[in-house]
Protein backbone atom coordinates (compact mmCIF):
# COMPACT_ATOMS: atom_id res chain seq x y z
CA MET A 1 111.79 -59.35 -14.94
CA THR A 2 107.85 -59.57 -15.63
CA MET A 3 107.01 -56.97 -18.04
CA ARG A 4 103.87 -55.09 -17.26
CA LYS A 5 101.02 -54.91 -19.91
CA ALA A 6 98.53 -52.15 -20.87
CA LEU A 7 95.76 -51.99 -23.39
CA THR A 8 94.65 -48.98 -25.23
CA ILE A 9 90.94 -49.17 -26.55
CA ALA A 10 91.23 -46.06 -28.78
CA GLY A 11 91.38 -44.36 -32.15
CA SER A 12 94.23 -44.01 -34.51
CA ASP A 13 95.46 -40.48 -35.27
CA THR A 14 97.16 -40.65 -38.60
CA SER A 15 99.27 -37.75 -37.76
CA GLY A 16 100.90 -39.78 -34.96
CA GLY A 17 100.50 -37.04 -32.07
CA ALA A 18 97.49 -38.32 -30.39
CA GLY A 19 95.31 -41.53 -29.98
CA GLN A 20 96.98 -44.82 -29.92
CA GLN A 21 100.07 -43.55 -31.08
CA ALA A 22 100.52 -41.40 -28.26
CA ASP A 23 99.31 -43.86 -25.93
CA LEU A 24 101.72 -46.43 -27.16
CA LYS A 25 104.86 -43.89 -27.09
CA THR A 26 103.92 -43.12 -23.54
CA PHE A 27 103.67 -46.77 -22.46
CA GLN A 28 107.11 -47.40 -23.98
CA GLU A 29 108.54 -44.36 -22.21
CA LEU A 30 107.42 -45.70 -19.02
CA GLY A 31 108.41 -49.20 -19.47
CA VAL A 32 105.09 -50.70 -20.12
CA PHE A 33 104.49 -53.17 -23.07
CA GLY A 34 101.52 -51.68 -24.99
CA MET A 35 98.84 -53.36 -26.77
CA THR A 36 95.97 -52.10 -28.91
CA ALA A 37 92.14 -52.37 -29.95
CA LEU A 38 91.39 -49.96 -32.70
CA THR A 39 88.01 -48.12 -32.40
CA VAL A 40 88.20 -45.17 -35.30
CA ILE A 41 90.65 -44.11 -37.62
CA VAL A 42 90.99 -40.12 -37.81
CA ALA A 43 92.47 -38.52 -41.07
CA GLN A 44 93.26 -34.89 -41.43
CA ASP A 45 92.94 -33.20 -44.61
CA PRO A 46 95.92 -30.85 -45.71
CA HIS A 47 93.83 -29.49 -48.52
CA ASN A 48 91.10 -28.10 -46.29
CA GLY A 49 92.56 -26.66 -43.26
CA TRP A 50 93.43 -29.83 -41.50
CA HIS A 51 89.69 -30.89 -41.17
CA HIS A 52 89.40 -34.03 -39.17
CA ASP A 53 87.42 -37.18 -40.70
CA VAL A 54 86.36 -39.75 -38.22
CA PHE A 55 86.02 -43.43 -39.54
CA PRO A 56 84.35 -45.85 -36.83
CA ILE A 57 85.62 -49.33 -36.87
CA ASP A 58 82.92 -52.18 -37.14
CA VAL A 59 81.91 -53.46 -33.70
CA ALA A 60 82.72 -57.18 -34.60
CA VAL A 61 86.15 -55.86 -35.65
CA LEU A 62 86.80 -54.16 -32.34
CA GLU A 63 85.47 -57.47 -30.39
CA LYS A 64 87.99 -59.63 -32.35
CA GLN A 65 90.58 -57.43 -31.29
CA LEU A 66 89.62 -57.25 -27.52
CA GLU A 67 89.43 -61.20 -27.59
CA THR A 68 92.84 -61.36 -28.98
CA VAL A 69 93.99 -59.20 -25.83
CA LEU A 70 91.89 -59.89 -22.96
CA ALA A 71 91.48 -63.73 -23.56
CA GLY A 72 94.68 -64.39 -25.48
CA ILE A 73 97.07 -62.60 -23.20
CA GLY A 74 95.78 -60.58 -20.34
CA VAL A 75 96.63 -57.00 -18.94
CA ASP A 76 97.59 -55.15 -16.07
CA ALA A 77 95.77 -51.93 -16.93
CA THR A 78 93.45 -50.45 -19.71
CA LYS A 79 92.47 -47.12 -20.98
CA THR A 80 89.89 -46.11 -23.43
CA GLY A 81 89.98 -43.10 -25.77
CA MET A 82 87.69 -42.10 -28.54
CA LEU A 83 85.22 -44.66 -28.92
CA GLY A 84 83.27 -43.15 -31.71
CA THR A 85 79.90 -44.93 -31.48
CA THR A 86 77.49 -45.99 -28.70
CA GLU A 87 77.85 -49.50 -30.01
CA LEU A 88 81.59 -49.24 -29.30
CA VAL A 89 81.15 -47.60 -25.92
CA GLU A 90 78.67 -50.47 -25.00
CA LEU A 91 81.38 -53.10 -26.20
CA ALA A 92 84.14 -51.75 -24.33
CA ALA A 93 82.09 -51.63 -21.02
CA ARG A 94 80.92 -55.13 -21.66
CA LYS A 95 84.23 -56.78 -21.92
CA ILE A 96 85.62 -54.75 -18.91
CA GLU A 97 82.78 -56.54 -17.21
CA GLN A 98 83.30 -59.82 -18.77
CA PHE A 99 86.99 -60.06 -17.99
CA GLN A 100 86.76 -58.19 -14.50
CA LEU A 101 89.60 -55.67 -15.90
CA LYS A 102 91.22 -53.68 -13.01
CA ASN A 103 93.02 -50.41 -13.34
CA VAL A 104 90.71 -48.96 -16.18
CA VAL A 105 91.46 -45.39 -17.27
CA VAL A 106 88.49 -43.96 -19.10
CA ASP A 107 89.48 -40.83 -21.08
CA PRO A 108 85.98 -39.83 -22.33
CA VAL A 109 87.01 -38.22 -25.61
CA MET A 110 84.39 -36.40 -27.45
CA ILE A 111 86.12 -34.14 -29.82
CA CYS A 112 89.47 -34.07 -31.75
CA LYS A 113 91.51 -31.11 -31.05
CA GLY A 114 91.21 -28.86 -34.07
CA ALA A 115 87.80 -30.13 -34.84
CA ASP A 116 84.86 -27.70 -34.54
CA GLU A 117 82.11 -30.09 -33.08
CA ALA A 118 81.55 -32.86 -30.52
CA LEU A 119 81.11 -36.27 -31.80
CA HIS A 120 77.41 -37.78 -31.54
CA PRO A 121 75.74 -36.30 -28.38
CA GLU A 122 74.25 -39.69 -27.53
CA ILE A 123 77.89 -40.79 -27.02
CA ALA A 124 78.15 -38.55 -23.64
CA ILE A 125 75.06 -40.32 -22.23
CA SER A 126 76.51 -43.74 -23.11
CA LEU A 127 79.94 -42.78 -21.56
CA ARG A 128 77.93 -41.52 -18.35
CA GLU A 129 75.63 -44.51 -17.93
CA VAL A 130 77.55 -47.37 -19.29
CA LEU A 131 81.23 -46.78 -19.27
CA LEU A 132 81.98 -44.48 -16.23
CA PRO A 133 80.67 -46.76 -13.66
CA ARG A 134 83.10 -49.18 -14.62
CA ALA A 135 86.27 -46.83 -14.55
CA THR A 136 88.88 -46.73 -12.05
CA VAL A 137 89.88 -43.32 -13.21
CA ALA A 138 87.96 -40.87 -15.40
CA THR A 139 90.21 -38.12 -16.98
CA PRO A 140 88.06 -35.63 -18.91
CA ASN A 141 89.17 -32.43 -20.10
CA LEU A 142 87.30 -29.16 -19.56
CA PHE A 143 84.62 -29.61 -22.45
CA GLU A 144 84.17 -33.21 -21.63
CA ALA A 145 83.99 -32.66 -17.91
CA GLY A 146 81.34 -29.91 -18.65
CA ILE A 147 79.39 -32.13 -20.82
CA LEU A 148 79.35 -35.15 -18.59
CA SER A 149 78.41 -33.43 -15.46
CA GLY A 150 75.70 -31.37 -16.96
CA LEU A 151 77.41 -28.02 -15.81
CA GLY A 152 78.21 -26.76 -19.40
CA ALA A 153 81.41 -24.60 -20.02
CA LEU A 154 83.70 -24.79 -16.90
CA LYS A 155 85.38 -21.64 -16.34
CA SER A 156 87.14 -21.73 -12.93
CA VAL A 157 88.78 -24.19 -10.54
CA GLU A 158 85.63 -24.12 -8.58
CA ASP A 159 83.72 -25.35 -11.49
CA MET A 160 86.22 -28.03 -12.10
CA LYS A 161 85.54 -29.19 -8.60
CA GLU A 162 82.06 -29.46 -8.83
CA ALA A 163 82.42 -31.32 -12.02
CA ALA A 164 84.76 -33.81 -10.55
CA LYS A 165 82.35 -34.48 -7.90
CA ARG A 166 79.22 -35.14 -10.19
CA ILE A 167 81.25 -37.39 -12.40
CA HIS A 168 82.37 -39.42 -9.33
CA ASP A 169 78.91 -40.01 -8.65
CA PHE A 170 78.26 -41.86 -11.74
CA GLY A 171 80.45 -44.81 -10.13
CA THR A 172 83.89 -43.52 -11.13
CA SER A 173 86.48 -44.32 -8.40
CA TYR A 174 88.68 -41.28 -9.12
CA VAL A 175 88.30 -38.32 -11.17
CA VAL A 176 90.95 -36.01 -12.92
CA VAL A 177 89.78 -33.05 -14.71
CA LYS A 178 92.23 -31.81 -16.97
CA GLY A 179 92.25 -27.78 -17.27
CA GLY A 180 94.85 -28.02 -20.16
CA SER A 181 94.94 -24.73 -22.18
CA LYS A 182 91.45 -23.60 -22.02
CA LEU A 183 91.41 -22.72 -18.50
CA GLN A 184 92.45 -19.08 -17.67
CA HIS A 185 95.00 -19.53 -15.23
CA GLY A 186 98.93 -18.64 -14.22
CA ASN A 187 99.46 -22.45 -13.83
CA ALA A 188 98.54 -25.46 -15.62
CA VAL A 189 95.91 -26.74 -13.22
CA ASP A 190 94.08 -30.16 -12.70
CA VAL A 191 91.62 -31.20 -10.29
CA TYR A 192 92.13 -34.68 -8.44
CA TYR A 193 88.99 -35.99 -6.61
CA ASP A 194 88.94 -39.36 -4.69
CA GLY A 195 85.50 -39.46 -3.40
CA GLN A 196 86.48 -37.58 -0.25
CA SER A 197 88.80 -34.81 -0.71
CA VAL A 198 89.50 -32.60 -3.67
CA GLU A 199 93.03 -31.59 -4.52
CA VAL A 200 94.39 -28.92 -7.08
CA LEU A 201 97.31 -30.14 -9.10
CA GLU A 202 99.59 -27.34 -10.48
CA SER A 203 102.54 -27.23 -12.72
CA GLU A 204 104.12 -24.88 -15.03
CA ARG A 205 102.30 -23.37 -17.82
CA PHE A 206 103.78 -23.05 -21.37
CA ASP A 207 102.79 -20.32 -23.84
CA THR A 208 102.42 -22.76 -26.77
CA THR A 209 99.81 -24.24 -29.08
CA PHE A 210 101.54 -27.27 -29.59
CA THR A 211 99.50 -29.52 -27.35
CA HIS A 212 98.28 -32.04 -29.84
CA GLY A 213 97.76 -35.38 -27.83
CA ALA A 214 98.25 -33.98 -24.65
CA GLY A 215 95.13 -35.58 -23.03
CA CYS A 216 95.79 -38.72 -24.39
CA THR A 217 99.48 -38.95 -23.26
CA TYR A 218 98.27 -37.61 -19.73
CA SER A 219 95.94 -40.46 -19.42
CA ALA A 220 98.00 -43.14 -21.10
CA ALA A 221 100.84 -42.20 -18.51
CA ILE A 222 98.32 -42.78 -15.48
CA CYS A 223 97.54 -46.22 -17.10
CA ALA A 224 101.09 -47.02 -17.52
CA GLU A 225 101.93 -46.38 -13.85
CA LEU A 226 98.72 -48.37 -12.67
CA ALA A 227 99.75 -51.14 -14.86
CA LYS A 228 103.19 -51.16 -12.90
CA GLY A 229 101.40 -51.52 -9.67
CA ASN A 230 101.39 -47.72 -8.54
CA SER A 231 98.34 -46.24 -6.67
CA VAL A 232 96.15 -44.00 -8.55
CA ARG A 233 97.67 -40.85 -6.71
CA GLU A 234 101.00 -41.86 -7.31
CA ALA A 235 100.14 -42.67 -11.20
CA VAL A 236 98.71 -39.09 -11.33
CA ASN A 237 101.61 -37.56 -10.08
CA VAL A 238 103.90 -39.16 -12.70
CA ALA A 239 101.42 -38.48 -15.20
CA LYS A 240 101.34 -34.75 -14.44
CA ASP A 241 105.31 -34.73 -14.46
CA PHE A 242 105.38 -36.48 -17.75
CA ILE A 243 102.84 -34.27 -19.69
CA THR A 244 104.55 -31.23 -18.33
CA GLU A 245 107.79 -32.25 -19.87
CA ALA A 246 106.10 -33.47 -22.96
CA ILE A 247 104.38 -29.94 -23.64
CA ARG A 248 107.68 -28.12 -22.46
CA HIS A 249 109.65 -29.74 -25.40
CA SER A 250 106.61 -29.74 -27.88
CA PHE A 251 107.38 -28.93 -31.27
CA ALA A 252 105.58 -27.85 -34.67
CA LEU A 253 104.89 -30.86 -37.02
CA ASN A 254 103.58 -28.75 -39.74
CA GLN A 255 101.46 -25.28 -39.90
CA TYR A 256 98.44 -26.87 -38.51
CA VAL A 257 99.92 -28.82 -35.51
CA GLY A 258 102.27 -29.51 -33.03
CA PRO A 259 102.30 -32.70 -30.91
CA THR A 260 103.74 -33.17 -27.37
CA ASN A 261 107.29 -34.65 -26.91
CA HIS A 262 106.83 -38.15 -25.50
CA GLY A 263 110.64 -38.62 -24.79
CA ALA A 264 111.21 -35.54 -22.82
CA TYR A 265 110.22 -37.09 -19.68
CA ARG A 266 112.86 -39.79 -19.89
CA SER A 267 115.49 -37.33 -21.14
CA SER A 268 114.59 -35.07 -18.09
CA LYS A 269 115.34 -37.94 -15.68
CA GLN A 270 118.64 -38.73 -17.42
CA ALA A 271 120.00 -35.11 -17.32
C-alpha cells in the first residue's frame, strides 16, 4: 500500500492542541503520513493569564525545511496555518508555485485563540493577494473571513455566504467559512462555496469552551482527505464529522484551555 503524504506549513503550539501538533494528530488519525515546515513558535505564559507569545522562524530556515520535503520527498497535499510574517507568506506561495503543488489548503490564521489582537494587518493583505490565489481550499473562520472579504464582523449565515463569494474571487477554488462558536446559531454552521453554489453545512453544536485547535484540526482533516484522493466536497464532509466528534469529546487541559480530542472520530467509527 502506498502511504499518502501531507505537509503542514504552520506554527508550533507548545500546549499541543493547535498548530502543527493538531495537524499531525489529525493526519495520523486519518491514515496519512504527516511532514512539517515550522513557521512560528507559540508559547503561552502560565504566569500571565496564558498570554500568547509568537516567535517567527527565520525565512531561510523555513526555506530549508520546505526544500527537504518538496524537493526531497514530495507531497500529495499541503496545508498552511499561521505564517506570522509577510515574508513567510510570500515564501510559502513561491514554493507552492515552484513545485506546482496540488491540493493546497490555506487556513489563513490571523489570531491565536485566547489572544487579544490579530497578527500584523499587512499579513491579511499578503494572504489575500499572494497566497489565496494559489489555494485549492481556503478555510477562514468568522474573524478571518471578515477581514479577508472586507466585510468586517460577520454576524449571520448570509454574511458568511457573501464573505465566501468574495474570498473565492481572489482566486481560491473552494471556500469553507467556519462558523465556530462565535456564530449565534442553534447548530454548528459552516458555509461551503465552490464558485457556483453555496451550501450551508450544519452539525450538532456543543456547549463547551474546549475548542482549542478546532480550526487547525478542521483544515488538517480536509488536507488529509485530499491527500487520499477524495474530492473537495468529500474531504469537507469527513472533516466536518471529524471536528464534530473531536469537539464532542474535548477536554480541559488546565484552567486556561481545553483542546479538541483528535482520537474521537476513529473511536466513533470503531464503536
